[in-house]
Amino acid sequence: MTIDAHSSGRTSAPADQRLIYARPEVLADRSTHYCPGCGHGVIHRLLAEVLTELELPAHTIAVAPVGCAVFAYDYLMVDWVEAPHGRAPAVATGIRRVRPEAFVLTYQGDGDLAAIGTAEIVHAAARGERITAIFVNNGIYGMTGGQMAPTTLLGQKTTSSPSGREPSLMGYPIRITEMLAQLPGVTYAARGSVADASQIGKLKAMIKKACRVQIDGGGFAIVEAISNCPVGWNMTPQESLDHLRGPVARAYPLGVIVDRTGAAAGPQAGSQPAGGPAAPGSAPVQPEA
């Protein structure tokens, strides 16, 4: 920034100025309805940036399920189909069959993907469906009042586990992305976080990679975004972010879980990938740098 000597203290931008912020056109210009501090808005922004940078909005058909995730269609200006609870992968499979040229995306929460829709996500991944799944894991049923989800941490208090999650009674948290990563139909699986600016940048890179997998003809791709729910967790927004960086990240390690993009050909629905299936457990999480 320079001072214009011919004006009374006015400043002028340098000739080599660059744009450092702009709202992607695909992101709707409207106020959010999400609770204060909710991570969904951050993930919407990342998706909008990635879709724009890859020139995908005009080709995208996205599927929204039930839960807080359903309102993504209020903010991302692409074509949407609403699915019954948990059935987004099944609906996305139908779209893929009849619109093979489209970019097909699902946007799901943990109650939707890891509980009510477990069968649908497992079999879509097993078939190597050429779809990209964005999985928002905030460890709770946010829309319906803060009940325990499959991803709720041990000891965490919810409206349906008021004394804390007890494994002998309520089971253990499910690392659904690691489960899916063992399937040979999964080309790419990763987990990122919205805890801070550095993690948000890494999460964006994961989302872009998952989208490129589909563009390049690979199989199923999923990115899990661990996110916060300050209201459901009974925390302030800052406390919830600290919780993400601590207990949540320890329970759900961040990084690339599997990346099979180097394979000769991405597995497609109903096909066996070259070299046969990977052995279960052969794809450990690659920790972040």
C-alpha atoms as a PDB file:
ATOM      1  CA  MET A   1       0.000   0.000   0.000  1.00  0.00           C
ATOM      2  CA  THR A   2       1.375   3.443  -0.931  1.00  0.00           C
ATOM      3  CA  ILE A   3       0.521   7.050  -0.089  1.00  0.00           C
ATOM      4  CA  ASP A   4      -0.633   9.216  -2.973  1.00  0.00           C
ATOM      5  CA  ALA A   5       1.383  12.419  -2.677  1.00  0.00           C
ATOM      6  CA  HIS A   6      -1.169  14.345  -4.727  1.00  0.00           C
ATOM      7  CA  SER A   7      -4.016  13.582  -2.358  1.00  0.00           C
ATOM      8  CA  SER A   8      -4.667  14.295   1.258  1.00  0.00           C
ATOM      9  CA  GLY A   9      -3.363  11.083   2.775  1.00  0.00           C
ATOM     10  CA  ARG A  10      -5.266   8.779   0.437  1.00  0.00           C
ATOM     11  CA  THR A  11      -3.806   5.349  -0.166  1.00  0.00           C
ATOM     12  CA  SER A  12      -3.584   3.511  -3.461  1.00  0.00           C
ATOM     13  CA  ALA A  13      -3.178  -0.211  -4.084  1.00  0.00           C
ATOM     14  CA  PRO A  14       0.064  -1.416  -5.654  1.00  0.00           C
ATOM     15  CA  ALA A  15       0.012  -2.287  -9.328  1.00  0.00           C
ATOM     16  CA  ASP A  16       0.597  -5.978  -8.580  1.00  0.00           C
ATOM     17  CA  GLN A  17      -2.350  -6.304  -6.201  1.00  0.00           C
ATOM     18  CA  ARG A  18      -3.902  -9.747  -5.913  1.00  0.00           C
ATOM     19  CA  LEU A  19      -7.303 -10.939  -4.803  1.00  0.00           C
ATOM     20  CA  ILE A  20      -7.086 -12.705  -1.450  1.00  0.00           C
ATOM     21  CA  TYR A  21     -10.770 -13.180  -0.689  1.00  0.00           C
ATOM     22  CA  ALA A  22     -13.990 -13.427  -2.657  1.00  0.00           C
ATOM     23  CA  ARG A  23     -17.222 -15.301  -2.186  1.00  0.00           C
ATOM     24  CA  PRO A  24     -17.498 -18.136  -4.733  1.00  0.00           C
ATOM     25  CA  GLU A  25     -20.540 -17.551  -6.938  1.00  0.00           C
ATOM     26  CA  VAL A  26     -21.800 -21.043  -6.157  1.00  0.00           C
ATOM     27  CA  LEU A  27     -22.031 -20.107  -2.463  1.00  0.00           C
ATOM     28  CA  ALA A  28     -25.362 -18.388  -1.805  1.00  0.00           C
ATOM     29  CA  ASP A  29     -25.218 -14.835  -0.461  1.00  0.00           C
ATOM     30  CA  ARG A  30     -27.507 -15.291   2.530  1.00  0.00           C
ATOM     31  CA  SER A  31     -27.365 -15.463   6.307  1.00  0.00           C
ATOM     32  CA  THR A  32     -26.715 -18.858   7.839  1.00  0.00           C
ATOM     33  CA  HIS A  33     -29.347 -20.683   9.866  1.00  0.00           C
ATOM     34  CA  TYR A  34     -26.778 -22.882  11.616  1.00  0.00           C
ATOM     35  CA  CYS A  35     -26.154 -22.521  15.344  1.00  0.00           C
ATOM     36  CA  PRO A  36     -23.346 -20.152  16.430  1.00  0.00           C
ATOM     37  CA  GLY A  37     -19.961 -21.779  15.959  1.00  0.00           C
ATOM     38  CA  CYS A  38     -21.238 -24.702  13.856  1.00  0.00           C
ATOM     39  CA  GLY A  39     -18.682 -26.148  11.455  1.00  0.00           C
ATOM     40  CA  HIS A  40     -21.105 -26.836   8.599  1.00  0.00           C
ATOM     41  CA  GLY A  41     -20.700 -23.322   7.214  1.00  0.00           C
ATOM     42  CA  VAL A  42     -16.924 -23.719   6.986  1.00  0.00           C
ATOM     43  CA  ILE A  43     -17.317 -27.001   5.106  1.00  0.00           C
ATOM     44  CA  HIS A  44     -19.869 -25.409   2.763  1.00  0.00           C
ATOM     45  CA  ARG A  45     -17.324 -22.709   1.972  1.00  0.00           C
ATOM     46  CA  LEU A  46     -14.605 -25.270   1.242  1.00  0.00           C
ATOM     47  CA  LEU A  47     -16.914 -27.227  -1.040  1.00  0.00           C
ATOM     48  CA  ALA A  48     -17.899 -24.047  -2.873  1.00  0.00           C
ATOM     49  CA  GLU A  49     -14.252 -23.139  -3.409  1.00  0.00           C
ATOM     50  CA  VAL A  50     -13.296 -26.619  -4.632  1.00  0.00           C
ATOM     51  CA  LEU A  51     -16.259 -26.974  -6.985  1.00  0.00           C
ATOM     52  CA  THR A  52     -15.513 -23.550  -8.447  1.00  0.00           C
ATOM     53  CA  GLU A  53     -11.778 -24.173  -8.847  1.00  0.00           C
ATOM     54  CA  LEU A  54     -12.463 -27.483 -10.617  1.00  0.00           C
ATOM     55  CA  GLU A  55     -15.206 -25.902 -12.791  1.00  0.00           C
ATOM     56  CA  LEU A  56     -17.769 -28.405 -11.526  1.00  0.00           C
ATOM     57  CA  PRO A  57     -20.907 -26.449 -10.488  1.00  0.00           C
ATOM     58  CA  ALA A  58     -22.645 -26.770 -13.867  1.00  0.00           C
ATOM     59  CA  HIS A  59     -22.011 -30.529 -13.909  1.00  0.00           C
ATOM     60  CA  THR A  60     -22.771 -31.325 -10.256  1.00  0.00           C
ATOM     61  CA  ILE A  61     -25.746 -33.268  -8.927  1.00  0.00           C
ATOM     62  CA  ALA A  62     -25.562 -33.429  -5.142  1.00  0.00           C
ATOM     63  CA  VAL A  63     -27.616 -35.502  -2.716  1.00  0.00           C
ATOM     64  CA  ALA A  64     -28.713 -34.211   0.691  1.00  0.00           C
ATOM     65  CA  PRO A  65     -30.118 -36.552   3.348  1.00  0.00           C
ATOM     66  CA  VAL A  66     -31.898 -35.800   6.640  1.00  0.00           C
ATOM     67  CA  GLY A  67     -30.284 -33.955   9.544  1.00  0.00           C
ATOM     68  CA  CYS A  68     -28.378 -30.680   9.767  1.00  0.00           C
ATOM     69  CA  ALA A  69     -26.592 -31.656   6.542  1.00  0.00           C
ATOM     70  CA  VAL A  70     -29.851 -31.403   4.597  1.00  0.00           C
ATOM     71  CA  PHE A  71     -29.658 -27.609   4.519  1.00  0.00           C
ATOM     72  CA  ALA A  72     -26.566 -27.663   2.323  1.00  0.00           C
ATOM     73  CA  TYR A  73     -28.910 -27.094  -0.606  1.00  0.00           C
ATOM     74  CA  ASP A  74     -29.788 -23.676   0.824  1.00  0.00           C
ATOM     75  CA  TYR A  75     -26.187 -22.531   0.448  1.00  0.00           C
ATOM     76  CA  LEU A  76     -24.548 -24.410  -2.435  1.00  0.00           C
ATOM     77  CA  MET A  77     -26.126 -23.400  -5.722  1.00  0.00           C
ATOM     78  CA  VAL A  78     -25.906 -26.676  -7.614  1.00  0.00           C
ATOM     79  CA  ASP A  79     -28.599 -29.208  -8.514  1.00  0.00           C
ATOM     80  CA  TRP A  80     -29.739 -31.177  -5.459  1.00  0.00           C
ATOM     81  CA  VAL A  81     -31.825 -34.272  -4.818  1.00  0.00           C
ATOM     82  CA  GLU A  82     -33.131 -34.897  -1.299  1.00  0.00           C
ATOM     83  CA  ALA A  83     -32.870 -38.485  -0.084  1.00  0.00           C
ATOM     84  CA  PRO A  84     -34.628 -40.327   2.745  1.00  0.00           C
ATOM     85  CA  HIS A  85     -32.611 -40.611   5.939  1.00  0.00           C
ATOM     86  CA  GLY A  86     -29.380 -42.514   5.288  1.00  0.00           C
ATOM     87  CA  ARG A  87     -30.169 -43.269   1.649  1.00  0.00           C
ATOM     88  CA  ALA A  88     -27.974 -40.644  -0.042  1.00  0.00           C
ATOM     89  CA  PRO A  89     -25.489 -43.220  -1.438  1.00  0.00           C
ATOM     90  CA  ALA A  90     -28.340 -45.263  -2.921  1.00  0.00           C
ATOM     91  CA  VAL A  91     -29.840 -42.180  -4.554  1.00  0.00           C
ATOM     92  CA  ALA A  92     -26.391 -41.127  -5.760  1.00  0.00           C
ATOM     93  CA  THR A  93     -25.942 -44.588  -7.284  1.00  0.00           C
ATOM     94  CA  GLY A  94     -29.159 -44.144  -9.259  1.00  0.00           C
ATOM     95  CA  ILE A  95     -27.993 -40.734 -10.473  1.00  0.00           C
ATOM     96  CA  ARG A  96     -24.655 -42.195 -11.529  1.00  0.00           C
ATOM     97  CA  ARG A  97     -26.406 -44.893 -13.537  1.00  0.00           C
ATOM     98  CA  VAL A  98     -28.607 -42.517 -15.515  1.00  0.00           C
ATOM     99  CA  ARG A  99     -26.237 -39.526 -15.666  1.00  0.00           C
ATOM    100  CA  PRO A 100     -22.767 -41.018 -16.155  1.00  0.00           C
ATOM    101  CA  GLU A 101     -21.375 -37.657 -17.262  1.00  0.00           C
ATOM    102  CA  ALA A 102     -22.392 -35.812 -14.079  1.00  0.00           C
ATOM    103  CA  PHE A 103     -20.272 -35.072 -11.031  1.00  0.00           C
ATOM    104  CA  VAL A 104     -22.131 -36.822  -8.186  1.00  0.00           C
ATOM    105  CA  LEU A 105     -21.702 -35.707  -4.592  1.00  0.00           C
ATOM    106  CA  THR A 106     -23.238 -36.721  -1.264  1.00  0.00           C
ATOM    107  CA  TYR A 107     -23.132 -34.532   1.848  1.00  0.00           C
ATOM    108  CA  GLN A 108     -23.976 -36.488   5.016  1.00  0.00           C
ATOM    109  CA  GLY A 109     -23.754 -36.246   8.780  1.00  0.00           C
ATOM    110  CA  ASP A 110     -22.617 -38.995  11.130  1.00  0.00           C
ATOM    111  CA  GLY A 111     -26.072 -40.040  12.313  1.00  0.00           C
ATOM    112  CA  ASP A 112     -27.121 -40.333   8.683  1.00  0.00           C
ATOM    113  CA  LEU A 113     -24.038 -42.038   7.217  1.00  0.00           C
ATOM    114  CA  ALA A 114     -22.740 -44.074  10.170  1.00  0.00           C
ATOM    115  CA  ALA A 115     -26.054 -45.241  11.650  1.00  0.00           C
ATOM    116  CA  ILE A 116     -29.245 -45.068   9.624  1.00  0.00           C
ATOM    117  CA  GLY A 117     -27.389 -45.306   6.308  1.00  0.00           C
ATOM    118  CA  THR A 118     -24.628 -47.760   7.220  1.00  0.00           C
ATOM    119  CA  ALA A 119     -25.764 -50.388   4.708  1.00  0.00           C
ATOM    120  CA  GLU A 120     -26.031 -47.865   1.880  1.00  0.00           C
ATOM    121  CA  ILE A 121     -22.573 -46.355   2.383  1.00  0.00           C
ATOM    122  CA  VAL A 122     -20.890 -49.748   2.830  1.00  0.00           C
ATOM    123  CA  HIS A 123     -22.327 -51.219  -0.351  1.00  0.00           C
ATOM    124  CA  ALA A 124     -21.774 -48.084  -2.435  1.00  0.00           C
ATOM    125  CA  ALA A 125     -18.134 -48.204  -1.357  1.00  0.00           C
ATOM    126  CA  ALA A 126     -17.915 -51.953  -1.970  1.00  0.00           C
ATOM    127  CA  ARG A 127     -19.194 -51.452  -5.512  1.00  0.00           C
ATOM    128  CA  GLY A 128     -16.619 -48.740  -6.114  1.00  0.00           C
ATOM    129  CA  GLU A 129     -19.328 -46.286  -7.085  1.00  0.00           C
ATOM    130  CA  ARG A 130     -17.808 -43.244  -8.782  1.00  0.00           C
ATOM    131  CA  ILE A 131     -19.207 -40.764  -6.284  1.00  0.00           C
ATOM    132  CA  THR A 132     -17.638 -38.367  -3.784  1.00  0.00           C
ATOM    133  CA  ALA A 133     -18.945 -38.465  -0.209  1.00  0.00           C
ATOM    134  CA  ILE A 134     -18.455 -35.610   2.246  1.00  0.00           C
ATOM    135  CA  PHE A 135     -18.994 -36.996   5.743  1.00  0.00           C
ATOM    136  CA  VAL A 136     -19.460 -34.422   8.527  1.00  0.00           C
ATOM    137  CA  ASN A 137     -18.752 -36.043  11.888  1.00  0.00           C
ATOM    138  CA  ASN A 138     -19.759 -33.908  14.874  1.00  0.00           C
ATOM    139  CA  GLY A 139     -20.300 -36.880  17.157  1.00  0.00           C
ATOM    140  CA  ILE A 140     -23.955 -36.220  17.892  1.00  0.00           C
ATOM    141  CA  TYR A 141     -27.486 -36.023  16.484  1.00  0.00           C
ATOM    142  CA  GLY A 142     -27.597 -32.240  16.287  1.00  0.00           C
ATOM    143  CA  MET A 143     -30.942 -31.533  14.621  1.00  0.00           C
ATOM    144  CA  THR A 144     -33.070 -33.797  16.806  1.00  0.00           C
ATOM    145  CA  GLY A 145     -31.882 -32.611  20.206  1.00  0.00           C
ATOM    146  CA  GLY A 146     -28.354 -33.838  20.880  1.00  0.00           C
ATOM    147  CA  GLN A 147     -28.742 -37.605  21.169  1.00  0.00           C
ATOM    148  CA  MET A 148     -25.836 -40.056  21.137  1.00  0.00           C
ATOM    149  CA  ALA A 149     -24.578 -41.007  17.676  1.00  0.00           C
ATOM    150  CA  PRO A 150     -22.404 -43.959  16.598  1.00  0.00           C
ATOM    151  CA  THR A 151     -19.449 -41.557  16.643  1.00  0.00           C
ATOM    152  CA  THR A 152     -20.076 -40.119  20.138  1.00  0.00           C
ATOM    153  CA  LEU A 153     -16.948 -40.401  22.288  1.00  0.00           C
ATOM    154  CA  LEU A 154     -16.738 -42.668  25.317  1.00  0.00           C
ATOM    155  CA  GLY A 155     -17.902 -40.802  28.398  1.00  0.00           C
ATOM    156  CA  GLN A 156     -19.524 -38.041  26.373  1.00  0.00           C
ATOM    157  CA  LYS A 157     -22.828 -36.864  27.816  1.00  0.00           C
ATOM    158  CA  THR A 158     -25.783 -36.485  25.469  1.00  0.00           C
ATOM    159  CA  THR A 159     -29.533 -36.285  25.927  1.00  0.00           C
ATOM    160  CA  SER A 160     -29.739 -40.069  25.424  1.00  0.00           C
ATOM    161  CA  SER A 161     -26.591 -40.837  27.441  1.00  0.00           C
ATOM    162  CA  PRO A 162     -26.915 -38.327  30.301  1.00  0.00           C
ATOM    163  CA  SER A 163     -24.307 -40.122  32.418  1.00  0.00           C
ATOM    164  CA  GLY A 164     -21.878 -40.457  29.532  1.00  0.00           C
ATOM    165  CA  ARG A 165     -21.382 -43.119  26.878  1.00  0.00           C
ATOM    166  CA  GLU A 166     -20.703 -46.424  28.624  1.00  0.00           C
ATOM    167  CA  PRO A 167     -19.210 -49.041  26.259  1.00  0.00           C
ATOM    168  CA  SER A 168     -20.655 -52.068  28.055  1.00  0.00           C
ATOM    169  CA  LEU A 169     -24.134 -50.652  27.542  1.00  0.00           C
ATOM    170  CA  MET A 170     -23.844 -48.440  24.442  1.00  0.00           C
ATOM    171  CA  GLY A 171     -20.897 -49.855  22.540  1.00  0.00           C
ATOM    172  CA  TYR A 172     -17.805 -48.098  21.234  1.00  0.00           C
ATOM    173  CA  PRO A 173     -17.477 -45.218  18.761  1.00  0.00           C
ATOM    174  CA  ILE A 174     -17.332 -46.384  15.136  1.00  0.00           C
ATOM    175  CA  ARG A 175     -14.496 -45.284  12.879  1.00  0.00           C
ATOM    176  CA  ILE A 176     -16.599 -45.727   9.774  1.00  0.00           C
ATOM    177  CA  THR A 177     -14.047 -44.208   7.397  1.00  0.00           C
ATOM    178  CA  GLU A 178     -11.396 -46.759   8.436  1.00  0.00           C
ATOM    179  CA  MET A 179     -13.984 -49.508   7.947  1.00  0.00           C
ATOM    180  CA  LEU A 180     -14.736 -48.320   4.438  1.00  0.00           C
ATOM    181  CA  ALA A 181     -11.056 -47.867   3.575  1.00  0.00           C
ATOM    182  CA  GLN A 182     -10.529 -51.646   3.780  1.00  0.00           C
ATOM    183  CA  LEU A 183     -12.843 -52.169   0.806  1.00  0.00           C
ATOM    184  CA  PRO A 184     -10.980 -52.386  -2.519  1.00  0.00           C
ATOM    185  CA  GLY A 185     -13.672 -50.274  -4.192  1.00  0.00           C
ATOM    186  CA  VAL A 186     -12.558 -47.239  -2.177  1.00  0.00           C
ATOM    187  CA  THR A 187     -10.000 -45.214  -4.113  1.00  0.00           C
ATOM    188  CA  TYR A 188      -9.478 -42.461  -1.553  1.00  0.00           C
ATOM    189  CA  ALA A 189     -10.424 -41.964   2.101  1.00  0.00           C
ATOM    190  CA  ALA A 190      -9.199 -39.206   4.403  1.00  0.00           C
ATOM    191  CA  ARG A 191     -10.120 -37.373   7.582  1.00  0.00           C
ATOM    192  CA  GLY A 192      -9.667 -33.661   8.228  1.00  0.00           C
ATOM    193  CA  SER A 193     -10.848 -31.103  10.761  1.00  0.00           C
ATOM    194  CA  VAL A 194     -12.307 -27.596  11.050  1.00  0.00           C
ATOM    195  CA  ALA A 195     -10.493 -26.958  14.358  1.00  0.00           C
ATOM    196  CA  ASP A 196      -8.266 -24.139  13.092  1.00  0.00           C
ATOM    197  CA  ALA A 197      -7.056 -22.385   9.941  1.00  0.00           C
ATOM    198  CA  SER A 198      -4.221 -24.837   9.316  1.00  0.00           C
ATOM    199  CA  GLN A 199      -6.516 -27.851   9.592  1.00  0.00           C
ATOM    200  CA  ILE A 200      -9.146 -26.188   7.424  1.00  0.00           C
ATOM    201  CA  GLY A 201      -6.561 -25.726   4.670  1.00  0.00           C
ATOM    202  CA  LYS A 202      -5.625 -29.407   4.844  1.00  0.00           C
ATOM    203  CA  LEU A 203      -9.298 -30.397   4.792  1.00  0.00           C
ATOM    204  CA  LYS A 204      -9.797 -28.397   1.608  1.00  0.00           C
ATOM    205  CA  ALA A 205      -6.909 -30.240  -0.041  1.00  0.00           C
ATOM    206  CA  MET A 206      -8.511 -33.564   0.926  1.00  0.00           C
ATOM    207  CA  ILE A 207     -11.867 -32.523  -0.539  1.00  0.00           C
ATOM    208  CA  LYS A 208     -10.210 -31.418  -3.763  1.00  0.00           C
ATOM    209  CA  LYS A 209      -8.340 -34.734  -4.019  1.00  0.00           C
ATOM    210  CA  ALA A 210     -11.578 -36.681  -3.473  1.00  0.00           C
ATOM    211  CA  CYS A 211     -13.269 -34.689  -6.215  1.00  0.00           C
ATOM    212  CA  ARG A 212     -10.358 -35.259  -8.612  1.00  0.00           C
ATOM    213  CA  VAL A 213     -10.663 -39.001  -8.025  1.00  0.00           C
ATOM    214  CA  GLN A 214     -14.137 -38.907  -9.551  1.00  0.00           C
ATOM    215  CA  ILE A 215     -13.074 -36.607 -12.383  1.00  0.00           C
ATOM    216  CA  ASP A 216     -10.217 -38.965 -13.241  1.00  0.00           C
ATOM    217  CA  GLY A 217     -12.510 -41.998 -13.345  1.00  0.00           C
ATOM    218  CA  GLY A 218     -11.529 -43.547 -10.014  1.00  0.00           C
ATOM    219  CA  GLY A 219     -13.788 -45.393  -7.627  1.00  0.00           C
ATOM    220  CA  PHE A 220     -15.490 -44.330  -4.405  1.00  0.00           C
ATOM    221  CA  ALA A 221     -13.949 -41.394  -2.510  1.00  0.00           C
ATOM    222  CA  ILE A 222     -14.818 -40.138   0.964  1.00  0.00           C
ATOM    223  CA  VAL A 223     -13.602 -37.282   3.133  1.00  0.00           C
ATOM    224  CA  GLU A 224     -14.589 -37.233   6.779  1.00  0.00           C
ATOM    225  CA  ALA A 225     -14.595 -33.774   8.348  1.00  0.00           C
ATOM    226  CA  ILE A 226     -14.587 -33.849  12.123  1.00  0.00           C
ATOM    227  CA  SER A 227     -16.631 -30.846  13.108  1.00  0.00           C
ATOM    228  CA  ASN A 228     -18.027 -29.189  16.206  1.00  0.00           C
ATOM    229  CA  CYS A 229     -21.522 -28.841  17.608  1.00  0.00           C
ATOM    230  CA  PRO A 230     -21.262 -26.272  20.411  1.00  0.00           C
ATOM    231  CA  VAL A 231     -24.967 -26.406  21.291  1.00  0.00           C
ATOM    232  CA  GLY A 232     -25.178 -30.212  21.242  1.00  0.00           C
ATOM    233  CA  TRP A 233     -21.950 -30.500  23.220  1.00  0.00           C
ATOM    234  CA  ASN A 234     -23.046 -27.839  25.727  1.00  0.00           C
ATOM    235  CA  MET A 235     -19.877 -25.835  25.078  1.00  0.00           C
ATOM    236  CA  THR A 236     -18.950 -22.388  23.886  1.00  0.00           C
ATOM    237  CA  PRO A 237     -17.699 -22.251  20.276  1.00  0.00           C
ATOM    238  CA  GLN A 238     -14.097 -21.874  21.457  1.00  0.00           C
ATOM    239  CA  GLU A 239     -14.420 -24.734  23.916  1.00  0.00           C
ATOM    240  CA  SER A 240     -15.799 -26.918  21.136  1.00  0.00           C
ATOM    241  CA  LEU A 241     -12.814 -26.140  18.886  1.00  0.00           C
ATOM    242  CA  ASP A 242     -10.424 -26.976  21.709  1.00  0.00           C
ATOM    243  CA  HIS A 243     -12.338 -30.232  22.163  1.00  0.00           C
ATOM    244  CA  LEU A 244     -11.892 -30.980  18.435  1.00  0.00           C
ATOM    245  CA  ARG A 245      -8.137 -30.491  18.685  1.00  0.00           C
ATOM    246  CA  GLY A 246      -7.909 -32.671  21.797  1.00  0.00           C
ATOM    247  CA  PRO A 247     -10.193 -35.634  22.593  1.00  0.00           C
ATOM    248  CA  VAL A 248     -11.901 -35.788  19.181  1.00  0.00           C
ATOM    249  CA  ALA A 249      -8.665 -35.784  17.168  1.00  0.00           C
ATOM    250  CA  ARG A 250      -7.233 -38.473  19.466  1.00  0.00           C
ATOM    251  CA  ALA A 251     -10.283 -40.677  18.895  1.00  0.00           C
ATOM    252  CA  TYR A 252     -10.391 -39.940  15.162  1.00  0.00           C
ATOM    253  CA  PRO A 253      -6.801 -39.498  13.891  1.00  0.00           C
ATOM    254  CA  LEU A 254      -6.398 -36.987  11.090  1.00  0.00           C
ATOM    255  CA  GLY A 255      -4.771 -37.775   7.767  1.00  0.00           C
ATOM    256  CA  VAL A 256      -5.088 -39.851   4.615  1.00  0.00           C
ATOM    257  CA  ILE A 257      -6.413 -43.308   5.472  1.00  0.00           C
ATOM    258  CA  VAL A 258      -6.091 -44.877   2.030  1.00  0.00           C
ATOM    259  CA  ASP A 259      -5.028 -43.553  -1.364  1.00  0.00           C
ATOM    260  CA  ARG A 260      -5.247 -45.987  -4.266  1.00  0.00           C
ATOM    261  CA  THR A 261      -5.064 -43.357  -6.991  1.00  0.00           C
ATOM    262  CA  GLY A 262      -1.779 -44.853  -8.163  1.00  0.00           C
ATOM    263  CA  ALA A 263      -3.496 -48.085  -9.199  1.00  0.00           C
ATOM    264  CA  ALA A 264      -3.654 -48.879 -12.886  1.00  0.00           C
ATOM    265  CA  ALA A 265      -7.423 -48.438 -12.950  1.00  0.00           C
ATOM    266  CA  GLY A 266      -9.958 -47.285 -10.408  1.00  0.00           C
ATOM    267  CA  PRO A 267     -12.463 -50.004  -9.423  1.00  0.00           C
ATOM    268  CA  GLN A 268     -15.914 -49.499 -10.845  1.00  0.00           C
ATOM    269  CA  ALA A 269     -19.238 -50.831  -9.666  1.00  0.00           C
ATOM    270  CA  GLY A 270     -19.312 -54.605  -9.842  1.00  0.00           C
ATOM    271  CA  SER A 271     -15.676 -54.964 -10.934  1.00  0.00           C
ATOM    272  CA  GLN A 272     -12.617 -56.366  -9.205  1.00  0.00           C
ATOM    273  CA  PRO A 273      -9.684 -53.932  -9.041  1.00  0.00           C
ATOM    274  CA  ALA A 274      -6.385 -54.923 -10.597  1.00  0.00           C
ATOM    275  CA  GLY A 275      -4.325 -57.068  -8.239  1.00  0.00           C
ATOM    276  CA  GLY A 276      -7.301 -58.230  -6.174  1.00  0.00           C
ATOM    277  CA  PRO A 277      -8.601 -56.782  -2.930  1.00  0.00           C
ATOM    278  CA  ALA A 278      -6.292 -55.189  -0.424  1.00  0.00           C
ATOM    279  CA  ALA A 279      -5.841 -57.110   2.784  1.00  0.00           C
ATOM    280  CA  PRO A 280      -7.881 -55.726   5.687  1.00  0.00           C
ATOM    281  CA  GLY A 281      -5.804 -53.441   7.805  1.00  0.00           C
ATOM    282  CA  SER A 282      -3.214 -52.870   5.071  1.00  0.00           C
ATOM    283  CA  ALA A 283      -4.007 -49.170   4.744  1.00  0.00           C
ATOM    284  CA  PRO A 284      -3.025 -47.416   7.987  1.00  0.00           C
ATOM    285  CA  VAL A 285      -3.693 -43.738   8.492  1.00  0.00           C
ATOM    286  CA  GLN A 286      -0.929 -41.597   7.032  1.00  0.00           C
ATOM    287  CA  PRO A 287      -0.430 -38.913   9.684  1.00  0.00           C
ATOM    288  CA  GLU A 288      -0.300 -35.300   8.686  1.00  0.00           C
ATOM    289  CA  ALA A 289       3.034 -33.610   8.241  1.00  0.00           C
END
